[in-house]
Amino acid sequence: MVKISEFQVKEVVSISDGKILGNISDLVINVSKGTIEAIVVSNGGKVLGFFGKDEDVIIPWRKIRKIGADVILVDQSAGLLTTVENK
């Protein structure tokens, strides 16, 4: 069994270009099925939580290719990731 706190310290990295997307800030869970549908990755753009642009990227669970000791590798194909701007 894995705790969410263990996922939150791992960096999420795109396998297509090696870009660090950020860290997991939340999960999208299908309660009726009991499955994780997606991860929400925060890029940490705000300074002290106030200044800057903070965008979350929603990555479908099926796009995760490998969960390693320190990183989570995702397939960042065009048009398959959703960006949500937080205010």
PDB file of N, CA and C in Angstrom:
ATOM      1  N   MET A   1       0.849  -1.176   0.000  1.00  0.00           N
ATOM      2  CA  MET A   1       0.000   0.000   0.000  1.00  0.00           C
ATOM      3  C   MET A   1       0.897   1.242   0.000  1.00  0.00           C
ATOM      4  N   VAL A   2       0.458   2.262  -0.717  1.00  0.00           N
ATOM      5  CA  VAL A   2       1.216   3.499  -0.830  1.00  0.00           C
ATOM      6  C   VAL A   2       0.360   4.644  -0.315  1.00  0.00           C
ATOM      7  N   LYS A   3       0.966   5.532   0.445  1.00  0.00           N
ATOM      8  CA  LYS A   3       0.261   6.703   0.977  1.00  0.00           C
ATOM      9  C   LYS A   3       0.401   7.872   0.006  1.00  0.00           C
ATOM     10  N   ILE A   4      -0.592   8.757  -0.003  1.00  0.00           N
ATOM     11  CA  ILE A   4      -0.545   9.933  -0.876  1.00  0.00           C
ATOM     12  C   ILE A   4       0.660  10.801  -0.537  1.00  0.00           C
ATOM     13  N   SER A   5       1.045  10.861   0.725  1.00  0.00           N
ATOM     14  CA  SER A   5       2.203  11.672   1.112  1.00  0.00           C
ATOM     15  C   SER A   5       3.482  11.176   0.434  1.00  0.00           C
ATOM     16  N   GLU A   6       3.557   9.877   0.134  1.00  0.00           N
ATOM     17  CA  GLU A   6       4.715   9.337  -0.572  1.00  0.00           C
ATOM     18  C   GLU A   6       4.728   9.790  -2.032  1.00  0.00           C
ATOM     19  N   PHE A   7       3.563   9.968  -2.629  1.00  0.00           N
ATOM     20  CA  PHE A   7       3.474  10.460  -4.002  1.00  0.00           C
ATOM     21  C   PHE A   7       3.806  11.945  -4.087  1.00  0.00           C
ATOM     22  N   GLN A   8       3.428  12.711  -3.081  1.00  0.00           N
ATOM     23  CA  GLN A   8       3.582  14.158  -3.128  1.00  0.00           C
ATOM     24  C   GLN A   8       5.033  14.613  -3.152  1.00  0.00           C
ATOM     25  N   VAL A   9       5.958  13.805  -2.693  1.00  0.00           N
ATOM     26  CA  VAL A   9       7.366  14.212  -2.683  1.00  0.00           C
ATOM     27  C   VAL A   9       8.090  13.831  -3.974  1.00  0.00           C
ATOM     28  N   LYS A  10       7.446  13.070  -4.831  1.00  0.00           N
ATOM     29  CA  LYS A  10       8.055  12.659  -6.102  1.00  0.00           C
ATOM     30  C   LYS A  10       7.821  13.729  -7.168  1.00  0.00           C
ATOM     31  N   GLU A  11       8.848  13.985  -7.972  1.00  0.00           N
ATOM     32  CA  GLU A  11       8.681  14.907  -9.088  1.00  0.00           C
ATOM     33  C   GLU A  11       8.021  14.171 -10.248  1.00  0.00           C
ATOM     34  N   VAL A  12       7.148  14.873 -10.954  1.00  0.00           N
ATOM     35  CA  VAL A  12       6.496  14.316 -12.135  1.00  0.00           C
ATOM     36  C   VAL A  12       7.269  14.820 -13.351  1.00  0.00           C
ATOM     37  N   VAL A  13       7.744  13.881 -14.176  1.00  0.00           N
ATOM     38  CA  VAL A  13       8.616  14.208 -15.301  1.00  0.00           C
ATOM     39  C   VAL A  13       8.014  13.668 -16.596  1.00  0.00           C
ATOM     40  N   SER A  14       8.066  14.492 -17.639  1.00  0.00           N
ATOM     41  CA  SER A  14       7.592  14.087 -18.966  1.00  0.00           C
ATOM     42  C   SER A  14       8.651  13.219 -19.641  1.00  0.00           C
ATOM     43  N   ILE A  15       8.240  12.068 -20.173  1.00  0.00           N
ATOM     44  CA  ILE A  15       9.206  11.204 -20.858  1.00  0.00           C
ATOM     45  C   ILE A  15       9.555  11.723 -22.251  1.00  0.00           C
ATOM     46  N   SER A  16       8.732  12.608 -22.806  1.00  0.00           N
ATOM     47  CA  SER A  16       8.990  13.098 -24.163  1.00  0.00           C
ATOM     48  C   SER A  16      10.147  14.092 -24.223  1.00  0.00           C
ATOM     49  N   ASP A  17      10.277  14.951 -23.195  1.00  0.00           N
ATOM     50  CA  ASP A  17      11.334  15.967 -23.229  1.00  0.00           C
ATOM     51  C   ASP A  17      12.134  16.075 -21.930  1.00  0.00           C
ATOM     52  N   GLY A  18      11.814  15.268 -20.933  1.00  0.00           N
ATOM     53  CA  GLY A  18      12.544  15.299 -19.665  1.00  0.00           C
ATOM     54  C   GLY A  18      12.187  16.470 -18.769  1.00  0.00           C
ATOM     55  N   LYS A  19      11.175  17.229 -19.145  1.00  0.00           N
ATOM     56  CA  LYS A  19      10.778  18.412 -18.380  1.00  0.00           C
ATOM     57  C   LYS A  19      10.119  18.005 -17.067  1.00  0.00           C
ATOM     58  N   ILE A  20      10.514  18.689 -15.984  1.00  0.00           N
ATOM     59  CA  ILE A  20       9.884  18.472 -14.684  1.00  0.00           C
ATOM     60  C   ILE A  20       8.583  19.270 -14.666  1.00  0.00           C
ATOM     61  N   LEU A  21       7.467  18.575 -14.515  1.00  0.00           N
ATOM     62  CA  LEU A  21       6.157  19.225 -14.544  1.00  0.00           C
ATOM     63  C   LEU A  21       5.759  19.768 -13.180  1.00  0.00           C
ATOM     64  N   GLY A  22       6.294  19.209 -12.111  1.00  0.00           N
ATOM     65  CA  GLY A  22       5.963  19.652 -10.756  1.00  0.00           C
ATOM     66  C   GLY A  22       5.768  18.465  -9.838  1.00  0.00           C
ATOM     67  N   ASN A  23       4.988  18.695  -8.780  1.00  0.00           N
ATOM     68  CA  ASN A  23       4.690  17.650  -7.803  1.00  0.00           C
ATOM     69  C   ASN A  23       3.189  17.418  -7.732  1.00  0.00           C
ATOM     70  N   ILE A  24       2.806  16.221  -7.323  1.00  0.00           N
ATOM     71  CA  ILE A  24       1.385  15.899  -7.186  1.00  0.00           C
ATOM     72  C   ILE A  24       0.788  16.717  -6.048  1.00  0.00           C
ATOM     73  N   SER A  25      -0.295  17.417  -6.351  1.00  0.00           N
ATOM     74  CA  SER A  25      -0.984  18.199  -5.329  1.00  0.00           C
ATOM     75  C   SER A  25      -2.329  17.588  -4.960  1.00  0.00           C
ATOM     76  N   ASP A  26      -2.861  16.738  -5.849  1.00  0.00           N
ATOM     77  CA  ASP A  26      -4.182  16.159  -5.583  1.00  0.00           C
ATOM     78  C   ASP A  26      -4.396  14.950  -6.493  1.00  0.00           C
ATOM     79  N   LEU A  27      -5.436  14.194  -6.191  1.00  0.00           N
ATOM     80  CA  LEU A  27      -5.834  13.054  -7.007  1.00  0.00           C
ATOM     81  C   LEU A  27      -7.290  13.225  -7.419  1.00  0.00           C
ATOM     82  N   VAL A  28      -7.644  12.735  -8.588  1.00  0.00           N
ATOM     83  CA  VAL A  28      -9.037  12.675  -9.023  1.00  0.00           C
ATOM     84  C   VAL A  28      -9.450  11.213  -8.868  1.00  0.00           C
ATOM     85  N   ILE A  29     -10.398  10.975  -7.960  1.00  0.00           N
ATOM     86  CA  ILE A  29     -10.801   9.614  -7.618  1.00  0.00           C
ATOM     87  C   ILE A  29     -12.230   9.365  -8.064  1.00  0.00           C
ATOM     88  N   ASN A  30     -12.463   8.231  -8.709  1.00  0.00           N
ATOM     89  CA  ASN A  30     -13.806   7.781  -9.059  1.00  0.00           C
ATOM     90  C   ASN A  30     -14.293   6.956  -7.871  1.00  0.00           C
ATOM     91  N   VAL A  31     -15.133   7.550  -7.053  1.00  0.00           N
ATOM     92  CA  VAL A  31     -15.575   6.913  -5.810  1.00  0.00           C
ATOM     93  C   VAL A  31     -16.406   5.666  -6.080  1.00  0.00           C
ATOM     94  N   SER A  32     -17.240   5.707  -7.110  1.00  0.00           N
ATOM     95  CA  SER A  32     -18.092   4.546  -7.379  1.00  0.00           C
ATOM     96  C   SER A  32     -17.289   3.329  -7.841  1.00  0.00           C
ATOM     97  N   LYS A  33     -16.193   3.560  -8.566  1.00  0.00           N
ATOM     98  CA  LYS A  33     -15.348   2.459  -9.028  1.00  0.00           C
ATOM     99  C   LYS A  33     -14.199   2.158  -8.069  1.00  0.00           C
ATOM    100  N   GLY A  34     -13.873   3.134  -7.226  1.00  0.00           N
ATOM    101  CA  GLY A  34     -12.746   2.968  -6.315  1.00  0.00           C
ATOM    102  C   GLY A  34     -11.405   3.030  -7.027  1.00  0.00           C
ATOM    103  N   THR A  35     -11.331   3.866  -8.076  1.00  0.00           N
ATOM    104  CA  THR A  35     -10.098   3.967  -8.854  1.00  0.00           C
ATOM    105  C   THR A  35      -9.599   5.406  -8.918  1.00  0.00           C
ATOM    106  N   ILE A  36      -8.298   5.551  -9.127  1.00  0.00           N
ATOM    107  CA  ILE A  36      -7.713   6.869  -9.356  1.00  0.00           C
ATOM    108  C   ILE A  36      -7.830   7.151 -10.847  1.00  0.00           C
ATOM    109  N   GLU A  37      -8.489   8.248 -11.200  1.00  0.00           N
ATOM    110  CA  GLU A  37      -8.699   8.611 -12.603  1.00  0.00           C
ATOM    111  C   GLU A  37      -7.574   9.494 -13.142  1.00  0.00           C
ATOM    112  N   ALA A  38      -7.018  10.354 -12.273  1.00  0.00           N
ATOM    113  CA  ALA A  38      -5.992  11.293 -12.728  1.00  0.00           C
ATOM    114  C   ALA A  38      -5.204  11.814 -11.535  1.00  0.00           C
ATOM    115  N   ILE A  39      -4.037  12.388 -11.844  1.00  0.00           N
ATOM    116  CA  ILE A  39      -3.270  13.096 -10.823  1.00  0.00           C
ATOM    117  C   ILE A  39      -3.297  14.573 -11.180  1.00  0.00           C
ATOM    118  N   VAL A  40      -3.248  15.419 -10.172  1.00  0.00           N
ATOM    119  CA  VAL A  40      -3.194  16.859 -10.366  1.00  0.00           C
ATOM    120  C   VAL A  40      -1.796  17.295  -9.957  1.00  0.00           C
ATOM    121  N   VAL A  41      -1.083  17.923 -10.890  1.00  0.00           N
ATOM    122  CA  VAL A  41       0.298  18.324 -10.663  1.00  0.00           C
ATOM    123  C   VAL A  41       0.361  19.843 -10.585  1.00  0.00           C
ATOM    124  N   SER A  42       0.956  20.345  -9.512  1.00  0.00           N
ATOM    125  CA  SER A  42       1.130  21.782  -9.329  1.00  0.00           C
ATOM    126  C   SER A  42       2.557  22.143  -9.696  1.00  0.00           C
ATOM    127  N   ASN A  43       2.701  23.230 -10.460  1.00  0.00           N
ATOM    128  CA  ASN A  43       4.045  23.641 -10.859  1.00  0.00           C
ATOM    129  C   ASN A  43       4.703  24.546  -9.828  1.00  0.00           C
ATOM    130  N   GLY A  44       3.976  24.915  -8.773  1.00  0.00           N
ATOM    131  CA  GLY A  44       4.569  25.737  -7.714  1.00  0.00           C
ATOM    132  C   GLY A  44       4.981  27.111  -8.178  1.00  0.00           C
ATOM    133  N   GLY A  45       4.230  27.701  -9.099  1.00  0.00           N
ATOM    134  CA  GLY A  45       4.586  28.993  -9.663  1.00  0.00           C
ATOM    135  C   GLY A  45       4.449  30.171  -8.724  1.00  0.00           C
ATOM    136  N   LYS A  46       3.678  30.041  -7.685  1.00  0.00           N
ATOM    137  CA  LYS A  46       3.480  31.159  -6.765  1.00  0.00           C
ATOM    138  C   LYS A  46       4.582  31.195  -5.713  1.00  0.00           C
ATOM    139  N   VAL A  47       4.969  32.406  -5.332  1.00  0.00           N
ATOM    140  CA  VAL A  47       5.959  32.603  -4.282  1.00  0.00           C
ATOM    141  C   VAL A  47       5.214  32.825  -2.976  1.00  0.00           C
ATOM    142  N   LEU A  48       5.487  32.017  -1.998  1.00  0.00           N
ATOM    143  CA  LEU A  48       4.819  32.082  -0.696  1.00  0.00           C
ATOM    144  C   LEU A  48       3.305  31.974  -0.831  1.00  0.00           C
ATOM    145  N   GLY A  49       2.853  31.376  -1.926  1.00  0.00           N
ATOM    146  CA  GLY A  49       1.434  31.162  -2.132  1.00  0.00           C
ATOM    147  C   GLY A  49       0.670  32.381  -2.622  1.00  0.00           C
ATOM    148  N   PHE A  50       1.377  33.490  -2.919  1.00  0.00           N
ATOM    149  CA  PHE A  50       0.687  34.721  -3.280  1.00  0.00           C
ATOM    150  C   PHE A  50       0.999  35.235  -4.678  1.00  0.00           C
ATOM    151  N   PHE A  51       2.272  35.346  -5.028  1.00  0.00           N
ATOM    152  CA  PHE A  51       2.664  36.049  -6.241  1.00  0.00           C
ATOM    153  C   PHE A  51       3.038  35.076  -7.347  1.00  0.00           C
ATOM    154  N   GLY A  52       2.610  35.389  -8.540  1.00  0.00           N
ATOM    155  CA  GLY A  52       2.962  34.557  -9.684  1.00  0.00           C
ATOM    156  C   GLY A  52       1.779  33.770 -10.196  1.00  0.00           C
ATOM    157  N   LYS A  53       2.048  33.044 -11.253  1.00  0.00           N
ATOM    158  CA  LYS A  53       1.010  32.255 -11.905  1.00  0.00           C
ATOM    159  C   LYS A  53       1.126  30.813 -11.427  1.00  0.00           C
ATOM    160  N   ASP A  54       0.046  30.279 -10.939  1.00  0.00           N
ATOM    161  CA  ASP A  54       0.036  28.901 -10.451  1.00  0.00           C
ATOM    162  C   ASP A  54      -0.933  28.106 -11.309  1.00  0.00           C
ATOM    163  N   GLU A  55      -0.409  27.142 -12.047  1.00  0.00           N
ATOM    164  CA  GLU A  55      -1.255  26.323 -12.903  1.00  0.00           C
ATOM    165  C   GLU A  55      -1.157  24.872 -12.481  1.00  0.00           C
ATOM    166  N   ASP A  56      -2.279  24.216 -12.466  1.00  0.00           N
ATOM    167  CA  ASP A  56      -2.310  22.787 -12.191  1.00  0.00           C
ATOM    168  C   ASP A  56      -2.480  22.054 -13.512  1.00  0.00           C
ATOM    169  N   VAL A  57      -1.803  20.936 -13.640  1.00  0.00           N
ATOM    170  CA  VAL A  57      -1.922  20.092 -14.817  1.00  0.00           C
ATOM    171  C   VAL A  57      -2.600  18.802 -14.382  1.00  0.00           C
ATOM    172  N   ILE A  58      -3.677  18.445 -15.065  1.00  0.00           N
ATOM    173  CA  ILE A  58      -4.396  17.208 -14.758  1.00  0.00           C
ATOM    174  C   ILE A  58      -3.918  16.145 -15.747  1.00  0.00           C
ATOM    175  N   ILE A  59      -3.340  15.088 -15.211  1.00  0.00           N
ATOM    176  CA  ILE A  59      -2.780  14.017 -16.031  1.00  0.00           C
ATOM    177  C   ILE A  59      -3.581  12.745 -15.788  1.00  0.00           C
ATOM    178  N   PRO A  60      -4.233  12.216 -16.823  1.00  0.00           N
ATOM    179  CA  PRO A  60      -4.987  10.968 -16.650  1.00  0.00           C
ATOM    180  C   PRO A  60      -4.070   9.838 -16.160  1.00  0.00           C
ATOM    181  N   TRP A  61      -4.594   8.993 -15.298  1.00  0.00           N
ATOM    182  CA  TRP A  61      -3.819   7.895 -14.724  1.00  0.00           C
ATOM    183  C   TRP A  61      -3.215   7.001 -15.814  1.00  0.00           C
ATOM    184  N   ARG A  62      -3.915   6.842 -16.928  1.00  0.00           N
ATOM    185  CA  ARG A  62      -3.432   5.979 -18.008  1.00  0.00           C
ATOM    186  C   ARG A  62      -2.169   6.530 -18.676  1.00  0.00           C
ATOM    187  N   LYS A  63      -1.847   7.806 -18.449  1.00  0.00           N
ATOM    188  CA  LYS A  63      -0.663   8.423 -19.038  1.00  0.00           C
ATOM    189  C   LYS A  63       0.588   8.221 -18.183  1.00  0.00           C
ATOM    190  N   ILE A  64       0.432   7.668 -16.980  1.00  0.00           N
ATOM    191  CA  ILE A  64       1.588   7.380 -16.131  1.00  0.00           C
ATOM    192  C   ILE A  64       2.270   6.132 -16.674  1.00  0.00           C
ATOM    193  N   ARG A  65       3.558   6.251 -16.941  1.00  0.00           N
ATOM    194  CA  ARG A  65       4.304   5.131 -17.510  1.00  0.00           C
ATOM    195  C   ARG A  65       5.113   4.376 -16.460  1.00  0.00           C
ATOM    196  N   LYS A  66       5.618   5.079 -15.440  1.00  0.00           N
ATOM    197  CA  LYS A  66       6.451   4.430 -14.426  1.00  0.00           C
ATOM    198  C   LYS A  66       6.430   5.259 -13.152  1.00  0.00           C
ATOM    199  N   ILE A  67       6.274   4.580 -12.021  1.00  0.00           N
ATOM    200  CA  ILE A  67       6.387   5.230 -10.719  1.00  0.00           C
ATOM    201  C   ILE A  67       7.659   4.697 -10.090  1.00  0.00           C
ATOM    202  N   GLY A  68       8.669   5.560  -9.995  1.00  0.00           N
ATOM    203  CA  GLY A  68       9.960   5.167  -9.448  1.00  0.00           C
ATOM    204  C   GLY A  68      10.120   5.628  -8.013  1.00  0.00           C
ATOM    205  N   ALA A  69      11.321   5.443  -7.490  1.00  0.00           N
ATOM    206  CA  ALA A  69      11.613   5.814  -6.108  1.00  0.00           C
ATOM    207  C   ALA A  69      11.544   7.325  -5.901  1.00  0.00           C
ATOM    208  N   ASP A  70      11.987   8.101  -6.910  1.00  0.00           N
ATOM    209  CA  ASP A  70      12.050   9.557  -6.771  1.00  0.00           C
ATOM    210  C   ASP A  70      11.183  10.323  -7.762  1.00  0.00           C
ATOM    211  N   VAL A  71      10.800   9.682  -8.863  1.00  0.00           N
ATOM    212  CA  VAL A  71      10.052  10.378  -9.908  1.00  0.00           C
ATOM    213  C   VAL A  71       8.888   9.540 -10.417  1.00  0.00           C
ATOM    214  N   ILE A  72       7.948  10.249 -11.040  1.00  0.00           N
ATOM    215  CA  ILE A  72       6.837   9.611 -11.742  1.00  0.00           C
ATOM    216  C   ILE A  72       6.968  10.040 -13.199  1.00  0.00           C
ATOM    217  N   LEU A  73       7.105   9.080 -14.102  1.00  0.00           N
ATOM    218  CA  LEU A  73       7.264   9.376 -15.522  1.00  0.00           C
ATOM    219  C   LEU A  73       5.907   9.328 -16.207  1.00  0.00           C
ATOM    220  N   VAL A  74       5.606  10.393 -16.976  1.00  0.00           N
ATOM    221  CA  VAL A  74       4.320  10.470 -17.663  1.00  0.00           C
ATOM    222  C   VAL A  74       4.532  10.715 -19.149  1.00  0.00           C
ATOM    223  N   ASP A  75       3.582  10.248 -19.943  1.00  0.00           N
ATOM    224  CA  ASP A  75       3.574  10.459 -21.385  1.00  0.00           C
ATOM    225  C   ASP A  75       2.796  11.738 -21.644  1.00  0.00           C
ATOM    226  N   GLN A  76       3.503  12.783 -22.029  1.00  0.00           N
ATOM    227  CA  GLN A  76       2.885  14.098 -22.212  1.00  0.00           C
ATOM    228  C   GLN A  76       2.579  14.345 -23.686  1.00  0.00           C
ATOM    229  N   SER A  77       1.765  13.492 -24.279  1.00  0.00           N
ATOM    230  CA  SER A  77       1.379  13.657 -25.679  1.00  0.00           C
ATOM    231  C   SER A  77       0.523  14.909 -25.839  1.00  0.00           C
ATOM    232  N   ALA A  78       0.630  15.537 -26.984  1.00  0.00           N
ATOM    233  CA  ALA A  78      -0.093  16.784 -27.253  1.00  0.00           C
ATOM    234  C   ALA A  78      -1.595  16.594 -27.102  1.00  0.00           C
ATOM    235  N   GLY A  79      -2.208  17.523 -26.398  1.00  0.00           N
ATOM    236  CA  GLY A  79      -3.655  17.542 -26.276  1.00  0.00           C
ATOM    237  C   GLY A  79      -4.241  16.594 -25.250  1.00  0.00           C
ATOM    238  N   LEU A  80      -3.421  15.865 -24.534  1.00  0.00           N
ATOM    239  CA  LEU A  80      -3.953  14.902 -23.585  1.00  0.00           C
ATOM    240  C   LEU A  80      -3.837  15.353 -22.138  1.00  0.00           C
ATOM    241  N   LEU A  81      -3.178  16.486 -21.894  1.00  0.00           N
ATOM    242  CA  LEU A  81      -3.061  17.021 -20.546  1.00  0.00           C
ATOM    243  C   LEU A  81      -3.896  18.289 -20.447  1.00  0.00           C
ATOM    244  N   THR A  82      -4.568  18.460 -19.336  1.00  0.00           N
ATOM    245  CA  THR A  82      -5.424  19.619 -19.123  1.00  0.00           C
ATOM    246  C   THR A  82      -4.762  20.550 -18.124  1.00  0.00           C
ATOM    247  N   THR A  83      -4.725  21.836 -18.448  1.00  0.00           N
ATOM    248  CA  THR A  83      -4.149  22.827 -17.547  1.00  0.00           C
ATOM    249  C   THR A  83      -5.271  23.653 -16.945  1.00  0.00           C
ATOM    250  N   VAL A  84      -5.212  23.828 -15.621  1.00  0.00           N
ATOM    251  CA  VAL A  84      -6.206  24.616 -14.907  1.00  0.00           C
ATOM    252  C   VAL A  84      -5.472  25.706 -14.159  1.00  0.00           C
ATOM    253  N   GLU A  85      -5.849  26.970 -14.399  1.00  0.00           N
ATOM    254  CA  GLU A  85      -5.204  28.080 -13.711  1.00  0.00           C
ATOM    255  C   GLU A  85      -5.893  28.317 -12.379  1.00  0.00           C
ATOM    256  N   ASN A  86      -5.092  28.409 -11.321  1.00  0.00           N
ATOM    257  CA  ASN A  86      -5.611  28.709  -9.984  1.00  0.00           C
ATOM    258  C   ASN A  86      -5.419  30.180  -9.697  1.00  0.00           C
ATOM    259  N   LYS A  87      -6.382  30.763  -9.019  1.00  0.00           N
ATOM    260  CA  LYS A  87      -6.283  32.188  -8.683  1.00  0.00           C
ATOM    261  C   LYS A  87      -6.122  32.364  -7.204  1.00  0.00           C
TER     262      LYS A  87
END
